Amino acid sequence: MPIQGYECRRCGFLFEDWKPFDPGEVYVVRCPKCGGTDVKESEAAKEYLELVRDMGRTGG
């Protein structure tokens, strides 16, 4: 399953989670901060988290 960036509509937390590869597969995405399931896919969240990860690898 590919990774997708998400934004929690309840608390605004940005995070990554697996995106179901099979559209028929039932997979509930939960916010790791508040546990809410009202989340939306967010390309901006994915790009931001990739940037943070890259900064961690390069030291800044």
C-alpha atoms as a PDB file:
ATOM      1  CA  MET A   1       0.000   0.000   0.000  1.00  0.00           C
ATOM      2  CA  PRO A   2       1.348   3.457  -0.835  1.00  0.00           C
ATOM      3  CA  ILE A   3       1.755   6.124   1.828  1.00  0.00           C
ATOM      4  CA  GLN A   4      -0.581   9.125   1.746  1.00  0.00           C
ATOM      5  CA  GLY A   5      -0.497  12.418   3.638  1.00  0.00           C
ATOM      6  CA  TYR A   6      -3.562  13.246   5.724  1.00  0.00           C
ATOM      7  CA  GLU A   7      -4.879  16.162   7.748  1.00  0.00           C
ATOM      8  CA  CYS A   8      -7.208  15.646  10.688  1.00  0.00           C
ATOM      9  CA  ARG A   9     -10.250  17.891  10.396  1.00  0.00           C
ATOM     10  CA  ARG A  10     -10.818  17.638  14.148  1.00  0.00           C
ATOM     11  CA  CYS A  11      -7.436  18.802  15.492  1.00  0.00           C
ATOM     12  CA  GLY A  12      -5.531  19.898  12.349  1.00  0.00           C
ATOM     13  CA  PHE A  13      -2.690  17.393  12.864  1.00  0.00           C
ATOM     14  CA  LEU A  14      -0.731  16.422   9.723  1.00  0.00           C
ATOM     15  CA  PHE A  15       0.339  12.796   9.427  1.00  0.00           C
ATOM     16  CA  GLU A  16       1.041   9.960   7.028  1.00  0.00           C
ATOM     17  CA  ASP A  17      -0.706   6.621   6.830  1.00  0.00           C
ATOM     18  CA  TRP A  18      -1.137   3.794   4.375  1.00  0.00           C
ATOM     19  CA  LYS A  19      -3.598   4.313   1.567  1.00  0.00           C
ATOM     20  CA  PRO A  20      -5.534   1.171   0.615  1.00  0.00           C
ATOM     21  CA  PHE A  21      -4.259  -0.225  -2.674  1.00  0.00           C
ATOM     22  CA  ASP A  22      -7.576  -1.903  -3.419  1.00  0.00           C
ATOM     23  CA  PRO A  23     -10.440   0.638  -3.578  1.00  0.00           C
ATOM     24  CA  GLY A  24     -12.812  -2.053  -2.270  1.00  0.00           C
ATOM     25  CA  GLU A  25     -10.678  -2.609   0.839  1.00  0.00           C
ATOM     26  CA  VAL A  26     -12.098  -1.151   4.054  1.00  0.00           C
ATOM     27  CA  TYR A  27      -9.414   0.727   5.960  1.00  0.00           C
ATOM     28  CA  VAL A  28     -10.193   3.389   8.570  1.00  0.00           C
ATOM     29  CA  VAL A  29      -7.580   6.114   8.891  1.00  0.00           C
ATOM     30  CA  ARG A  30      -7.299   7.459  12.439  1.00  0.00           C
ATOM     31  CA  CYS A  31      -5.466  10.538  13.601  1.00  0.00           C
ATOM     32  CA  PRO A  32      -2.553   9.435  15.819  1.00  0.00           C
ATOM     33  CA  LYS A  33      -2.943  12.573  17.955  1.00  0.00           C
ATOM     34  CA  CYS A  34      -6.664  12.682  18.819  1.00  0.00           C
ATOM     35  CA  GLY A  35      -7.926   9.342  17.478  1.00  0.00           C
ATOM     36  CA  GLY A  36     -10.469  11.034  15.213  1.00  0.00           C
ATOM     37  CA  THR A  37     -11.523   9.437  11.947  1.00  0.00           C
ATOM     38  CA  ASP A  38     -12.617  12.675  10.224  1.00  0.00           C
ATOM     39  CA  VAL A  39      -9.506  13.043   8.086  1.00  0.00           C
ATOM     40  CA  LYS A  40      -8.880  14.198   4.544  1.00  0.00           C
ATOM     41  CA  GLU A  41      -6.179  13.306   2.071  1.00  0.00           C
ATOM     42  CA  SER A  42      -3.728  16.158   1.808  1.00  0.00           C
ATOM     43  CA  GLU A  43      -0.961  16.474  -0.760  1.00  0.00           C
ATOM     44  CA  ALA A  44       0.378  19.458   1.214  1.00  0.00           C
ATOM     45  CA  ALA A  45       0.647  17.276   4.333  1.00  0.00           C
ATOM     46  CA  LYS A  46       2.548  14.626   2.402  1.00  0.00           C
ATOM     47  CA  GLU A  47       4.971  17.204   0.952  1.00  0.00           C
ATOM     48  CA  TYR A  48       5.491  18.863   4.351  1.00  0.00           C
ATOM     49  CA  LEU A  49       6.220  15.560   6.086  1.00  0.00           C
ATOM     50  CA  GLU A  50       8.650  14.568   3.310  1.00  0.00           C
ATOM     51  CA  LEU A  51      10.458  17.897   3.788  1.00  0.00           C
ATOM     52  CA  VAL A  52      10.690  17.379   7.565  1.00  0.00           C
ATOM     53  CA  ARG A  53      12.016  13.847   7.028  1.00  0.00           C
ATOM     54  CA  ASP A  54      14.622  15.104   4.533  1.00  0.00           C
ATOM     55  CA  MET A  55      15.716  17.845   6.923  1.00  0.00           C
ATOM     56  CA  GLY A  56      16.228  15.220   9.613  1.00  0.00           C
ATOM     57  CA  ARG A  57      18.456  13.196   7.303  1.00  0.00           C
ATOM     58  CA  THR A  58      20.600  16.165   6.304  1.00  0.00           C
ATOM     59  CA  GLY A  59      20.737  17.797   9.723  1.00  0.00           C
ATOM     60  CA  GLY A  60      18.809  20.932   8.892  1.00  0.00           C
END
